[in-house]
C-alpha atoms as a PDB file:
ATOM      1  CA  UNK A   1     -28.659  94.681  26.599  1.00  0.00           C
ATOM      2  CA  UNK A   2     -28.247  95.787  30.210  1.00  0.00           C
ATOM      3  CA  UNK A   3     -31.445  93.976  31.203  1.00  0.00           C
ATOM      4  CA  UNK A   4     -30.290  90.800  29.477  1.00  0.00           C
ATOM      5  CA  UNK A   5     -26.910  90.954  31.229  1.00  0.00           C
ATOM      6  CA  UNK A   6     -28.624  91.513  34.582  1.00  0.00           C
ATOM      7  CA  UNK A   7     -30.838  88.487  34.036  1.00  0.00           C
ATOM      8  CA  UNK A   8     -27.838  86.367  33.064  1.00  0.00           C
ATOM      9  CA  UNK A   9     -25.885  87.459  36.145  1.00  0.00           C
ATOM     10  CA  UNK A  10     -28.891  86.746  38.358  1.00  0.00           C
ATOM     11  CA  UNK A  11     -29.253  83.262  36.879  1.00  0.00           C
ATOM     12  CA  UNK A  12     -25.546  82.607  37.401  1.00  0.00           C
ATOM     13  CA  UNK A  13     -25.914  83.776  40.986  1.00  0.00           C
ATOM     14  CA  UNK A  14     -28.805  81.354  41.525  1.00  0.00           C
ATOM     15  CA  UNK A  15     -26.811  78.523  39.952  1.00  0.00           C
ATOM     16  CA  UNK A  16     -23.807  79.048  42.201  1.00  0.00           C
ATOM     17  CA  UNK A  17     -26.055  79.495  45.246  1.00  0.00           C
ATOM     18  CA  UNK A  18     -27.694  76.167  44.381  1.00  0.00           C
ATOM     19  CA  UNK A  19     -24.308  74.470  44.209  1.00  0.00           C
ATOM     20  CA  UNK A  20     -23.282  75.998  47.535  1.00  0.00           C
ATOM     21  CA  UNK A  21     -26.441  74.639  49.176  1.00  0.00           C
ATOM     22  CA  UNK A  22     -25.767  71.174  47.741  1.00  0.00           C
ATOM     23  CA  UNK A  23     -22.057  71.146  48.477  1.00  0.00           C
ATOM     24  CA  UNK A  24     -20.866  67.941  50.190  1.00  0.00           C
ATOM     25  CA  UNK A  25     -17.770  67.502  52.303  1.00  0.00           C
ATOM     26  CA  UNK A  26     -14.544  66.342  50.716  1.00  0.00           C
ATOM     27  CA  UNK A  27     -14.124  62.603  51.065  1.00  0.00           C
ATOM     28  CA  UNK A  28     -10.823  60.803  51.571  1.00  0.00           C
ATOM     29  CA  UNK A  29     -10.141  57.304  50.201  1.00  0.00           C
ATOM     30  CA  UNK A  30      -9.628  55.899  53.693  1.00  0.00           C
ATOM     31  CA  UNK A  31     -13.168  56.967  54.601  1.00  0.00           C
ATOM     32  CA  UNK A  32     -14.788  55.114  51.700  1.00  0.00           C
ATOM     33  CA  UNK A  33     -12.511  52.058  51.548  1.00  0.00           C
ATOM     34  CA  UNK A  34     -14.422  49.901  54.081  1.00  0.00           C
ATOM     35  CA  UNK A  35     -17.718  50.446  52.234  1.00  0.00           C
ATOM     36  CA  UNK A  36     -17.070  50.524  48.487  1.00  0.00           C
ATOM     37  CA  UNK A  37     -18.138  47.367  46.677  1.00  0.00           C
ATOM     38  CA  UNK A  38     -20.162  46.078  49.634  1.00  0.00           C
ATOM     39  CA  UNK A  39     -23.773  44.968  49.685  1.00  0.00           C
ATOM     40  CA  UNK A  40     -25.561  46.071  52.864  1.00  0.00           C
ATOM     41  CA  UNK A  41     -28.469  44.033  54.205  1.00  0.00           C
ATOM     42  CA  UNK A  42     -31.400  46.390  54.871  1.00  0.00           C
ATOM     43  CA  UNK A  43     -32.212  46.104  58.595  1.00  0.00           C
ATOM     44  CA  UNK A  44     -30.210  42.897  58.664  1.00  0.00           C
ATOM     45  CA  UNK A  45     -30.772  39.788  56.569  1.00  0.00           C
ATOM     46  CA  UNK A  46     -34.458  39.361  57.367  1.00  0.00           C
ATOM     47  CA  UNK A  47     -36.799  37.280  55.238  1.00  0.00           C
ATOM     48  CA  UNK A  48     -34.313  34.403  55.083  1.00  0.00           C
ATOM     49  CA  UNK A  49     -35.584  32.586  58.163  1.00  0.00           C
ATOM     50  CA  UNK A  50     -38.963  32.461  59.853  1.00  0.00           C
ATOM     51  CA  UNK A  51     -37.617  33.737  63.150  1.00  0.00           C
ATOM     52  CA  UNK A  52     -35.332  36.529  61.928  1.00  0.00           C
ATOM     53  CA  UNK A  53     -37.461  39.696  61.686  1.00  0.00           C
ATOM     54  CA  UNK A  54     -35.960  42.992  60.564  1.00  0.00           C
ATOM     55  CA  UNK A  55     -33.610  44.791  62.977  1.00  0.00           C
ATOM     56  CA  UNK A  56     -33.336  41.695  65.169  1.00  0.00           C
ATOM     57  CA  UNK A  57     -30.277  39.915  66.499  1.00  0.00           C
ATOM     58  CA  UNK A  58     -30.886  36.812  64.309  1.00  0.00           C
ATOM     59  CA  UNK A  59     -31.162  39.022  61.195  1.00  0.00           C
ATOM     60  CA  UNK A  60     -27.858  40.683  62.036  1.00  0.00           C
ATOM     61  CA  UNK A  61     -26.241  37.348  62.832  1.00  0.00           C
ATOM     62  CA  UNK A  62     -27.328  35.997  59.442  1.00  0.00           C
ATOM     63  CA  UNK A  63     -25.916  39.041  57.660  1.00  0.00           C
ATOM     64  CA  UNK A  64     -22.564  38.497  59.346  1.00  0.00           C
ATOM     65  CA  UNK A  65     -22.599  34.799  58.399  1.00  0.00           C
ATOM     66  CA  UNK A  66     -23.257  35.700  54.746  1.00  0.00           C
ATOM     67  CA  UNK A  67     -20.569  38.388  54.831  1.00  0.00           C
ATOM     68  CA  UNK A  68     -22.945  41.268  54.142  1.00  0.00           C
ATOM     69  CA  UNK A  69     -22.571  44.742  55.515  1.00  0.00           C
ATOM     70  CA  UNK A  70     -25.472  45.811  57.699  1.00  0.00           C
ATOM     71  CA  UNK A  71     -27.782  48.814  57.544  1.00  0.00           C
ATOM     72  CA  UNK A  72     -29.704  49.414  60.755  1.00  0.00           C
ATOM     73  CA  UNK A  73     -31.786  52.096  62.461  1.00  0.00           C
ATOM     74  CA  UNK A  74     -31.369  53.544  65.939  1.00  0.00           C
ATOM     75  CA  UNK A  75     -33.824  55.414  68.131  1.00  0.00           C
ATOM     76  CA  UNK A  76     -34.200  56.355  71.800  1.00  0.00           C
ATOM     77  CA  UNK A  77     -36.460  54.959  74.508  1.00  0.00           C
ATOM     78  CA  UNK A  78     -38.145  57.232  77.036  1.00  0.00           C
ATOM     79  CA  UNK A  79     -35.469  56.462  79.602  1.00  0.00           C
ATOM     80  CA  UNK A  80     -32.636  57.203  77.181  1.00  0.00           C
ATOM     81  CA  UNK A  81     -31.610  53.760  75.961  1.00  0.00           C
ATOM     82  CA  UNK A  82     -30.317  53.560  72.376  1.00  0.00           C
ATOM     83  CA  UNK A  83     -32.379  50.895  70.598  1.00  0.00           C
ATOM     84  CA  UNK A  84     -32.298  49.348  67.128  1.00  0.00           C
ATOM     85  CA  UNK A  85     -35.730  49.952  65.628  1.00  0.00           C
ATOM     86  CA  UNK A  86     -37.013  51.540  62.436  1.00  0.00           C
ATOM     87  CA  UNK A  87     -40.616  52.668  62.775  1.00  0.00           C
ATOM     88  CA  UNK A  88     -41.804  55.757  64.562  1.00  0.00           C
ATOM     89  CA  UNK A  89     -44.555  53.681  66.188  1.00  0.00           C
ATOM     90  CA  UNK A  90     -44.707  50.133  67.547  1.00  0.00           C
ATOM     91  CA  UNK A  91     -47.842  49.147  65.631  1.00  0.00           C
ATOM     92  CA  UNK A  92     -46.405  47.256  62.663  1.00  0.00           C
ATOM     93  CA  UNK A  93     -43.596  45.393  64.378  1.00  0.00           C
ATOM     94  CA  UNK A  94     -45.020  44.811  67.864  1.00  0.00           C
ATOM     95  CA  UNK A  95     -48.798  45.209  67.536  1.00  0.00           C
ATOM     96  CA  UNK A  96     -48.875  47.929  70.199  1.00  0.00           C
ATOM     97  CA  UNK A  97     -50.042  51.522  69.866  1.00  0.00           C
ATOM     98  CA  UNK A  98     -47.694  54.362  70.707  1.00  0.00           C
ATOM     99  CA  UNK A  99     -44.268  55.662  69.803  1.00  0.00           C
ATOM    100  CA  UNK A 100     -41.106  53.899  70.840  1.00  0.00           C
ATOM    101  CA  UNK A 101     -39.899  57.037  72.653  1.00  0.00           C
ATOM    102  CA  UNK A 102     -43.006  56.908  74.876  1.00  0.00           C
ATOM    103  CA  UNK A 103     -41.902  53.625  76.488  1.00  0.00           C
ATOM    104  CA  UNK A 104     -39.125  52.783  78.924  1.00  0.00           C
ATOM    105  CA  UNK A 105     -36.683  50.081  77.906  1.00  0.00           C
ATOM    106  CA  UNK A 106     -38.043  47.653  80.533  1.00  0.00           C
ATOM    107  CA  UNK A 107     -41.542  47.943  79.046  1.00  0.00           C
ATOM    108  CA  UNK A 108     -40.234  47.515  75.503  1.00  0.00           C
ATOM    109  CA  UNK A 109     -38.517  44.283  76.506  1.00  0.00           C
ATOM    110  CA  UNK A 110     -41.928  42.765  77.157  1.00  0.00           C
ATOM    111  CA  UNK A 111     -42.817  43.165  73.477  1.00  0.00           C
ATOM    112  CA  UNK A 112     -41.963  40.778  70.633  1.00  0.00           C
ATOM    113  CA  UNK A 113     -41.101  41.482  66.998  1.00  0.00           C
ATOM    114  CA  UNK A 114     -43.641  40.188  64.465  1.00  0.00           C
ATOM    115  CA  UNK A 115     -44.974  37.386  66.694  1.00  0.00           C
ATOM    116  CA  UNK A 116     -41.517  35.859  67.115  1.00  0.00           C
ATOM    117  CA  UNK A 117     -39.626  35.491  70.367  1.00  0.00           C
ATOM    118  CA  UNK A 118     -37.256  38.289  69.381  1.00  0.00           C
ATOM    119  CA  UNK A 119     -37.084  41.549  71.340  1.00  0.00           C
ATOM    120  CA  UNK A 120     -36.098  45.050  70.302  1.00  0.00           C
ATOM    121  CA  UNK A 121     -32.302  44.936  70.715  1.00  0.00           C
ATOM    122  CA  UNK A 122     -30.081  47.496  72.336  1.00  0.00           C
ATOM    123  CA  UNK A 123     -27.602  49.146  69.987  1.00  0.00           C
ATOM    124  CA  UNK A 124     -24.812  48.004  72.301  1.00  0.00           C
ATOM    125  CA  UNK A 125     -25.967  44.377  71.896  1.00  0.00           C
ATOM    126  CA  UNK A 126     -25.797  44.651  68.121  1.00  0.00           C
ATOM    127  CA  UNK A 127     -22.327  46.188  68.238  1.00  0.00           C
ATOM    128  CA  UNK A 128     -21.117  43.320  70.413  1.00  0.00           C
ATOM    129  CA  UNK A 129     -22.639  40.775  68.048  1.00  0.00           C
ATOM    130  CA  UNK A 130     -21.150  42.268  64.881  1.00  0.00           C
ATOM    131  CA  UNK A 131     -17.828  43.009  66.564  1.00  0.00           C
ATOM    132  CA  UNK A 132     -16.202  44.554  63.510  1.00  0.00           C
ATOM    133  CA  UNK A 133     -16.783  41.545  61.259  1.00  0.00           C
ATOM    134  CA  UNK A 134     -18.692  43.530  58.609  1.00  0.00           C
ATOM    135  CA  UNK A 135     -19.156  47.268  57.965  1.00  0.00           C
ATOM    136  CA  UNK A 136     -22.194  49.086  59.379  1.00  0.00           C
ATOM    137  CA  UNK A 137     -24.420  51.872  58.075  1.00  0.00           C
ATOM    138  CA  UNK A 138     -26.154  53.379  61.111  1.00  0.00           C
ATOM    139  CA  UNK A 139     -29.276  55.423  60.390  1.00  0.00           C
ATOM    140  CA  UNK A 140     -30.208  57.916  63.097  1.00  0.00           C
ATOM    141  CA  UNK A 141     -33.992  58.250  63.298  1.00  0.00           C
ATOM    142  CA  UNK A 142     -35.504  61.624  64.136  1.00  0.00           C
ATOM    143  CA  UNK A 143     -36.665  61.756  67.770  1.00  0.00           C
ATOM    144  CA  UNK A 144     -37.875  64.377  70.209  1.00  0.00           C
ATOM    145  CA  UNK A 145     -34.448  64.159  71.839  1.00  0.00           C
ATOM    146  CA  UNK A 146     -31.981  64.232  68.956  1.00  0.00           C
ATOM    147  CA  UNK A 147     -29.212  65.749  71.065  1.00  0.00           C
ATOM    148  CA  UNK A 148     -29.357  62.887  73.559  1.00  0.00           C
ATOM    149  CA  UNK A 149     -29.563  60.257  70.812  1.00  0.00           C
ATOM    150  CA  UNK A 150     -26.512  61.670  69.039  1.00  0.00           C
ATOM    151  CA  UNK A 151     -24.468  61.943  72.223  1.00  0.00           C
ATOM    152  CA  UNK A 152     -25.241  58.457  73.489  1.00  0.00           C
ATOM    153  CA  UNK A 153     -24.931  56.701  70.135  1.00  0.00           C
ATOM    154  CA  UNK A 154     -21.628  58.392  69.313  1.00  0.00           C
ATOM    155  CA  UNK A 155     -20.263  57.428  72.722  1.00  0.00           C
ATOM    156  CA  UNK A 156     -21.096  53.799  71.947  1.00  0.00           C
ATOM    157  CA  UNK A 157     -19.563  54.042  68.487  1.00  0.00           C
ATOM    158  CA  UNK A 158     -16.403  55.645  69.885  1.00  0.00           C
ATOM    159  CA  UNK A 159     -15.778  52.371  71.733  1.00  0.00           C
ATOM    160  CA  UNK A 160     -16.516  50.231  68.675  1.00  0.00           C
ATOM    161  CA  UNK A 161     -13.498  49.072  66.676  1.00  0.00           C
ATOM    162  CA  UNK A 162     -15.190  47.966  63.459  1.00  0.00           C
ATOM    163  CA  UNK A 163     -15.910  50.063  60.325  1.00  0.00           C
ATOM    164  CA  UNK A 164     -19.085  52.139  60.408  1.00  0.00           C
ATOM    165  CA  UNK A 165     -20.667  55.226  58.906  1.00  0.00           C
ATOM    166  CA  UNK A 166     -23.802  57.194  59.781  1.00  0.00           C
ATOM    167  CA  UNK A 167     -26.757  58.626  57.884  1.00  0.00           C
ATOM    168  CA  UNK A 168     -30.070  60.373  58.520  1.00  0.00           C
ATOM    169  CA  UNK A 169     -33.015  61.949  56.737  1.00  0.00           C
ATOM    170  CA  UNK A 170     -32.790  64.821  59.209  1.00  0.00           C
ATOM    171  CA  UNK A 171     -30.099  67.348  58.162  1.00  0.00           C
ATOM    172  CA  UNK A 172     -30.235  69.062  61.553  1.00  0.00           C
ATOM    173  CA  UNK A 173     -29.490  65.790  63.333  1.00  0.00           C
ATOM    174  CA  UNK A 174     -26.733  65.052  60.842  1.00  0.00           C
ATOM    175  CA  UNK A 175     -25.382  68.543  61.451  1.00  0.00           C
ATOM    176  CA  UNK A 176     -25.085  67.670  65.141  1.00  0.00           C
ATOM    177  CA  UNK A 177     -23.006  64.642  64.206  1.00  0.00           C
ATOM    178  CA  UNK A 178     -20.888  66.765  61.886  1.00  0.00           C
ATOM    179  CA  UNK A 179     -20.063  69.193  64.683  1.00  0.00           C
ATOM    180  CA  UNK A 180     -19.392  66.427  67.205  1.00  0.00           C
ATOM    181  CA  UNK A 181     -17.362  64.120  64.926  1.00  0.00           C
ATOM    182  CA  UNK A 182     -16.334  66.111  61.822  1.00  0.00           C
ATOM    183  CA  UNK A 183     -14.246  63.279  60.332  1.00  0.00           C
ATOM    184  CA  UNK A 184     -16.946  60.623  60.673  1.00  0.00           C
ATOM    185  CA  UNK A 185     -18.131  59.378  57.256  1.00  0.00           C
ATOM    186  CA  UNK A 186     -21.738  60.592  57.088  1.00  0.00           C
ATOM    187  CA  UNK A 187     -24.562  60.567  54.574  1.00  0.00           C
ATOM    188  CA  UNK A 188     -27.719  62.495  53.792  1.00  0.00           C
ATOM    189  CA  UNK A 189     -30.728  60.279  53.120  1.00  0.00           C
ATOM    190  CA  UNK A 190     -33.421  61.507  50.765  1.00  0.00           C
ATOM    191  CA  UNK A 191     -36.092  60.560  48.238  1.00  0.00           C
ATOM    192  CA  UNK A 192     -39.238  61.948  46.622  1.00  0.00           C
ATOM    193  CA  UNK A 193     -41.061  63.754  49.432  1.00  0.00           C
ATOM    194  CA  UNK A 194     -43.265  66.299  47.715  1.00  0.00           C
ATOM    195  CA  UNK A 195     -46.916  65.313  47.531  1.00  0.00           C
ATOM    196  CA  UNK A 196     -46.653  62.946  50.522  1.00  0.00           C
ATOM    197  CA  UNK A 197     -47.935  65.302  53.196  1.00  0.00           C
ATOM    198  CA  UNK A 198     -44.532  66.597  54.256  1.00  0.00           C
ATOM    199  CA  UNK A 199     -45.445  70.262  53.909  1.00  0.00           C
ATOM    200  CA  UNK A 200     -42.989  73.017  53.038  1.00  0.00           C
ATOM    201  CA  UNK A 201     -40.022  70.971  54.231  1.00  0.00           C
ATOM    202  CA  UNK A 202     -40.474  68.493  51.394  1.00  0.00           C
ATOM    203  CA  UNK A 203     -38.902  70.647  48.684  1.00  0.00           C
ATOM    204  CA  UNK A 204     -35.574  71.467  50.386  1.00  0.00           C
ATOM    205  CA  UNK A 205     -35.243  67.911  51.721  1.00  0.00           C
ATOM    206  CA  UNK A 206     -36.035  66.256  48.408  1.00  0.00           C
ATOM    207  CA  UNK A 207     -33.676  68.535  46.500  1.00  0.00           C
ATOM    208  CA  UNK A 208     -30.888  68.366  49.105  1.00  0.00           C
ATOM    209  CA  UNK A 209     -30.944  72.125  49.704  1.00  0.00           C
ATOM    210  CA  UNK A 210     -30.070  71.663  53.379  1.00  0.00           C
ATOM    211  CA  UNK A 211     -26.766  69.943  52.646  1.00  0.00           C
ATOM    212  CA  UNK A 212     -25.059  73.116  53.810  1.00  0.00           C
ATOM    213  CA  UNK A 213     -26.125  72.106  57.325  1.00  0.00           C
ATOM    214  CA  UNK A 214     -25.123  68.437  57.233  1.00  0.00           C
ATOM    215  CA  UNK A 215     -22.270  68.678  54.668  1.00  0.00           C
ATOM    216  CA  UNK A 216     -22.562  64.952  53.921  1.00  0.00           C
ATOM    217  CA  UNK A 217     -19.837  62.831  52.382  1.00  0.00           C
ATOM    218  CA  UNK A 218     -22.367  60.569  50.674  1.00  0.00           C
ATOM    219  CA  UNK A 219     -25.908  60.906  49.375  1.00  0.00           C
ATOM    220  CA  UNK A 220     -28.149  57.895  50.005  1.00  0.00           C
ATOM    221  CA  UNK A 221     -31.068  58.195  47.600  1.00  0.00           C
ATOM    222  CA  UNK A 222     -33.993  55.995  46.612  1.00  0.00           C
ATOM    223  CA  UNK A 223     -32.540  54.095  43.662  1.00  0.00           C
ATOM    224  CA  UNK A 224     -35.766  54.469  41.645  1.00  0.00           C
ATOM    225  CA  UNK A 225     -35.566  58.276  41.859  1.00  0.00           C
ATOM    226  CA  UNK A 226     -31.957  59.016  40.998  1.00  0.00           C
ATOM    227  CA  UNK A 227     -32.915  61.262  38.111  1.00  0.00           C
ATOM    228  CA  UNK A 228     -33.413  64.003  40.714  1.00  0.00           C
ATOM    229  CA  UNK A 229     -31.484  67.033  39.439  1.00  0.00           C
ATOM    230  CA  UNK A 230     -29.971  67.956  42.797  1.00  0.00           C
ATOM    231  CA  UNK A 231     -28.865  64.385  43.458  1.00  0.00           C
ATOM    232  CA  UNK A 232     -27.202  64.200  40.057  1.00  0.00           C
ATOM    233  CA  UNK A 233     -25.447  67.537  40.582  1.00  0.00           C
ATOM    234  CA  UNK A 234     -24.215  66.567  44.052  1.00  0.00           C
ATOM    235  CA  UNK A 235     -22.775  63.299  42.717  1.00  0.00           C
ATOM    236  CA  UNK A 236     -21.622  64.223  39.218  1.00  0.00           C
ATOM    237  CA  UNK A 237     -20.492  67.837  39.694  1.00  0.00           C
ATOM    238  CA  UNK A 238     -19.592  67.972  43.380  1.00  0.00           C
ATOM    239  CA  UNK A 239     -18.379  64.363  43.788  1.00  0.00           C
ATOM    240  CA  UNK A 240     -20.527  63.220  46.682  1.00  0.00           C
ATOM    241  CA  UNK A 241     -20.355  59.432  47.114  1.00  0.00           C
ATOM    242  CA  UNK A 242     -23.583  57.800  45.797  1.00  0.00           C
ATOM    243  CA  UNK A 243     -25.423  55.183  47.852  1.00  0.00           C
ATOM    244  CA  UNK A 244     -28.527  53.378  46.552  1.00  0.00           C
ATOM    245  CA  UNK A 245     -31.470  52.162  48.652  1.00  0.00           C
ATOM    246  CA  UNK A 246     -33.425  49.896  48.836  1.00  0.00           C
ATOM    247  CA  UNK A 247     -32.493  47.548  45.958  1.00  0.00           C
ATOM    248  CA  UNK A 248     -34.797  44.551  45.659  1.00  0.00           C
ATOM    249  CA  UNK A 249     -33.712  42.672  42.520  1.00  0.00           C
ATOM    250  CA  UNK A 250     -30.421  41.315  41.192  1.00  0.00           C
ATOM    251  CA  UNK A 251     -31.081  43.071  37.889  1.00  0.00           C
ATOM    252  CA  UNK A 252     -31.234  46.477  39.577  1.00  0.00           C
ATOM    253  CA  UNK A 253     -28.234  45.611  41.732  1.00  0.00           C
ATOM    254  CA  UNK A 254     -25.958  44.961  38.758  1.00  0.00           C
ATOM    255  CA  UNK A 255     -27.393  47.838  36.732  1.00  0.00           C
ATOM    256  CA  UNK A 256     -26.615  50.272  39.559  1.00  0.00           C
ATOM    257  CA  UNK A 257     -23.171  48.813  40.112  1.00  0.00           C
ATOM    258  CA  UNK A 258     -22.332  49.130  36.427  1.00  0.00           C
ATOM    259  CA  UNK A 259     -23.487  52.763  36.540  1.00  0.00           C
ATOM    260  CA  UNK A 260     -20.878  53.482  39.218  1.00  0.00           C
ATOM    261  CA  UNK A 261     -22.807  53.026  42.468  1.00  0.00           C
ATOM    262  CA  UNK A 262     -20.542  50.891  44.621  1.00  0.00           C
ATOM    263  CA  UNK A 263     -22.504  51.004  47.882  1.00  0.00           C
ATOM    264  CA  UNK A 264     -25.981  49.459  47.829  1.00  0.00           C
ATOM    265  CA  UNK A 265     -28.546  48.644  50.506  1.00  0.00           C
ATOM    266  CA  UNK A 266     -30.661  45.620  49.533  1.00  0.00           C
ATOM    267  CA  UNK A 267     -33.414  43.308  50.677  1.00  0.00           C
ATOM    268  CA  UNK A 268     -35.494  40.479  49.229  1.00  0.00           C
ATOM    269  CA  UNK A 269     -32.699  38.631  47.371  1.00  0.00           C
ATOM    270  CA  UNK A 270     -29.112  37.507  47.894  1.00  0.00           C
ATOM    271  CA  UNK A 271     -26.514  39.515  45.963  1.00  0.00           C
ATOM    272  CA  UNK A 272     -22.781  38.868  46.244  1.00  0.00           C
ATOM    273  CA  UNK A 273     -21.462  40.281  49.507  1.00  0.00           C
ATOM    274  CA  UNK A 274     -18.670  42.089  47.659  1.00  0.00           C
ATOM    275  CA  UNK A 275     -18.180  43.077  44.020  1.00  0.00           C
ATOM    276  CA  UNK A 276     -14.977  43.718  42.146  1.00  0.00           C
ATOM    277  CA  UNK A 277     -16.607  44.365  38.802  1.00  0.00           C
ATOM    278  CA  UNK A 278     -20.237  44.427  37.692  1.00  0.00           C
ATOM    279  CA  UNK A 279     -21.125  41.574  35.363  1.00  0.00           C
ATOM    280  CA  UNK A 280     -24.854  41.280  34.585  1.00  0.00           C
ATOM    281  CA  UNK A 281     -24.354  37.660  33.540  1.00  0.00           C
ATOM    282  CA  UNK A 282     -23.507  36.836  37.143  1.00  0.00           C
ATOM    283  CA  UNK A 283     -27.014  37.866  38.186  1.00  0.00           C
ATOM    284  CA  UNK A 284     -28.321  34.404  37.271  1.00  0.00           C
ATOM    285  CA  UNK A 285     -26.228  32.970  40.086  1.00  0.00           C
ATOM    286  CA  UNK A 286     -27.937  35.102  42.732  1.00  0.00           C
ATOM    287  CA  UNK A 287     -30.846  33.729  44.719  1.00  0.00           C
ATOM    288  CA  UNK A 288     -34.218  35.476  44.816  1.00  0.00           C
ATOM    289  CA  UNK A 289     -36.435  34.830  47.800  1.00  0.00           C
ATOM    290  CA  UNK A 290     -39.513  32.690  47.405  1.00  0.00           C
ATOM    291  CA  UNK A 291     -42.830  34.398  46.702  1.00  0.00           C
ATOM    292  CA  UNK A 292     -43.879  34.048  50.335  1.00  0.00           C
ATOM    293  CA  UNK A 293     -40.595  35.394  51.677  1.00  0.00           C
ATOM    294  CA  UNK A 294     -40.551  38.320  49.293  1.00  0.00           C
ATOM    295  CA  UNK A 295     -43.928  39.426  50.651  1.00  0.00           C
ATOM    296  CA  UNK A 296     -43.335  38.559  54.293  1.00  0.00           C
ATOM    297  CA  UNK A 297     -44.911  40.714  57.047  1.00  0.00           C
ATOM    298  CA  UNK A 298     -41.743  42.706  57.656  1.00  0.00           C
ATOM    299  CA  UNK A 299     -41.837  44.068  54.108  1.00  0.00           C
ATOM    300  CA  UNK A 300     -42.810  47.692  53.589  1.00  0.00           C
ATOM    301  CA  UNK A 301     -46.500  48.563  53.439  1.00  0.00           C
ATOM    302  CA  UNK A 302     -47.100  49.552  49.799  1.00  0.00           C
ATOM    303  CA  UNK A 303     -49.887  51.908  50.862  1.00  0.00           C
ATOM    304  CA  UNK A 304     -47.379  54.232  52.476  1.00  0.00           C
ATOM    305  CA  UNK A 305     -45.143  56.705  50.620  1.00  0.00           C
ATOM    306  CA  UNK A 306     -42.524  54.462  49.020  1.00  0.00           C
ATOM    307  CA  UNK A 307     -39.532  56.466  50.157  1.00  0.00           C
ATOM    308  CA  UNK A 308     -40.541  56.823  53.794  1.00  0.00           C
ATOM    309  CA  UNK A 309     -41.406  53.125  54.140  1.00  0.00           C
ATOM    310  CA  UNK A 310     -42.959  53.104  57.633  1.00  0.00           C
ATOM    311  CA  UNK A 311     -43.495  55.371  60.551  1.00  0.00           C
ATOM    312  CA  UNK A 312     -44.563  58.991  60.611  1.00  0.00           C
ATOM    313  CA  UNK A 313     -42.943  61.035  57.861  1.00  0.00           C
ATOM    314  CA  UNK A 314     -44.131  64.216  59.537  1.00  0.00           C
ATOM    315  CA  UNK A 315     -42.312  63.352  62.727  1.00  0.00           C
ATOM    316  CA  UNK A 316     -39.259  62.100  60.828  1.00  0.00           C
ATOM    317  CA  UNK A 317     -38.676  65.372  59.067  1.00  0.00           C
ATOM    318  CA  UNK A 318     -39.759  67.923  61.650  1.00  0.00           C
ATOM    319  CA  UNK A 319     -37.055  70.363  62.676  1.00  0.00           C
ATOM    320  CA  UNK A 320     -35.662  70.521  66.157  1.00  0.00           C
END
């Protein structure tokens, strides 16, 4: 009897410890209002025009014209400029070897995105272009200089008058943001990491066990993997705001919306920019991209781990 009670108490202790590790920050309605019911174009509305590659000024301009929110990625150049770029390396987008943080901004301006005339934009350029017209989700990429990236990017965002929130795969980086701007609406990105060469860090990252560091308001999870137990507990039991990425069909878009996920990051088709209620019958009115567009060069390389998309997952998730 005593042994059974001890085991029960130990299991209860583990359960409550698990919930404490997952625990998100309390979210106020005014924090979520600019984002709920919005579709966010993944790295801008790329794939719609030949000369609008991902994370480019034309892709962001198109997203604004269509009324979509924008998800974008920021990183740091060697000389400390905040740039909008996703990959850890320049290989896929610019055909050049090396990491973006190994180049000065002046050298990066000589490169072109996917054989177009478009350059890697400064974050400040994108903020001026969007100018508060649509909400932004700003993903902070892990760099060797996270402190500098956080400081410089937040200084730029402090001067920006439009709605925005921030997210990152790196809970330590997100923890920096939490300490610097505790009221800023922030999200923990995650997905299936175990088995993809991410080492011992994969388990706590995949199961959100480092939320106690970042204390996110929302959890942005790969929409194909939302059966993850920790994700479900964080959303259903602890009331974290759910965000789905990256949604690539109208069918999935409406299915997720009807399941209660009001913030979605999409690419490869044209959903409604805003939703009031989810009606699957409306999906027939949405426009899928052509076969060529849906498999354009800026699409994710299927040979890579699906959740990490591109770049070095090892570098992305290394601790500071």
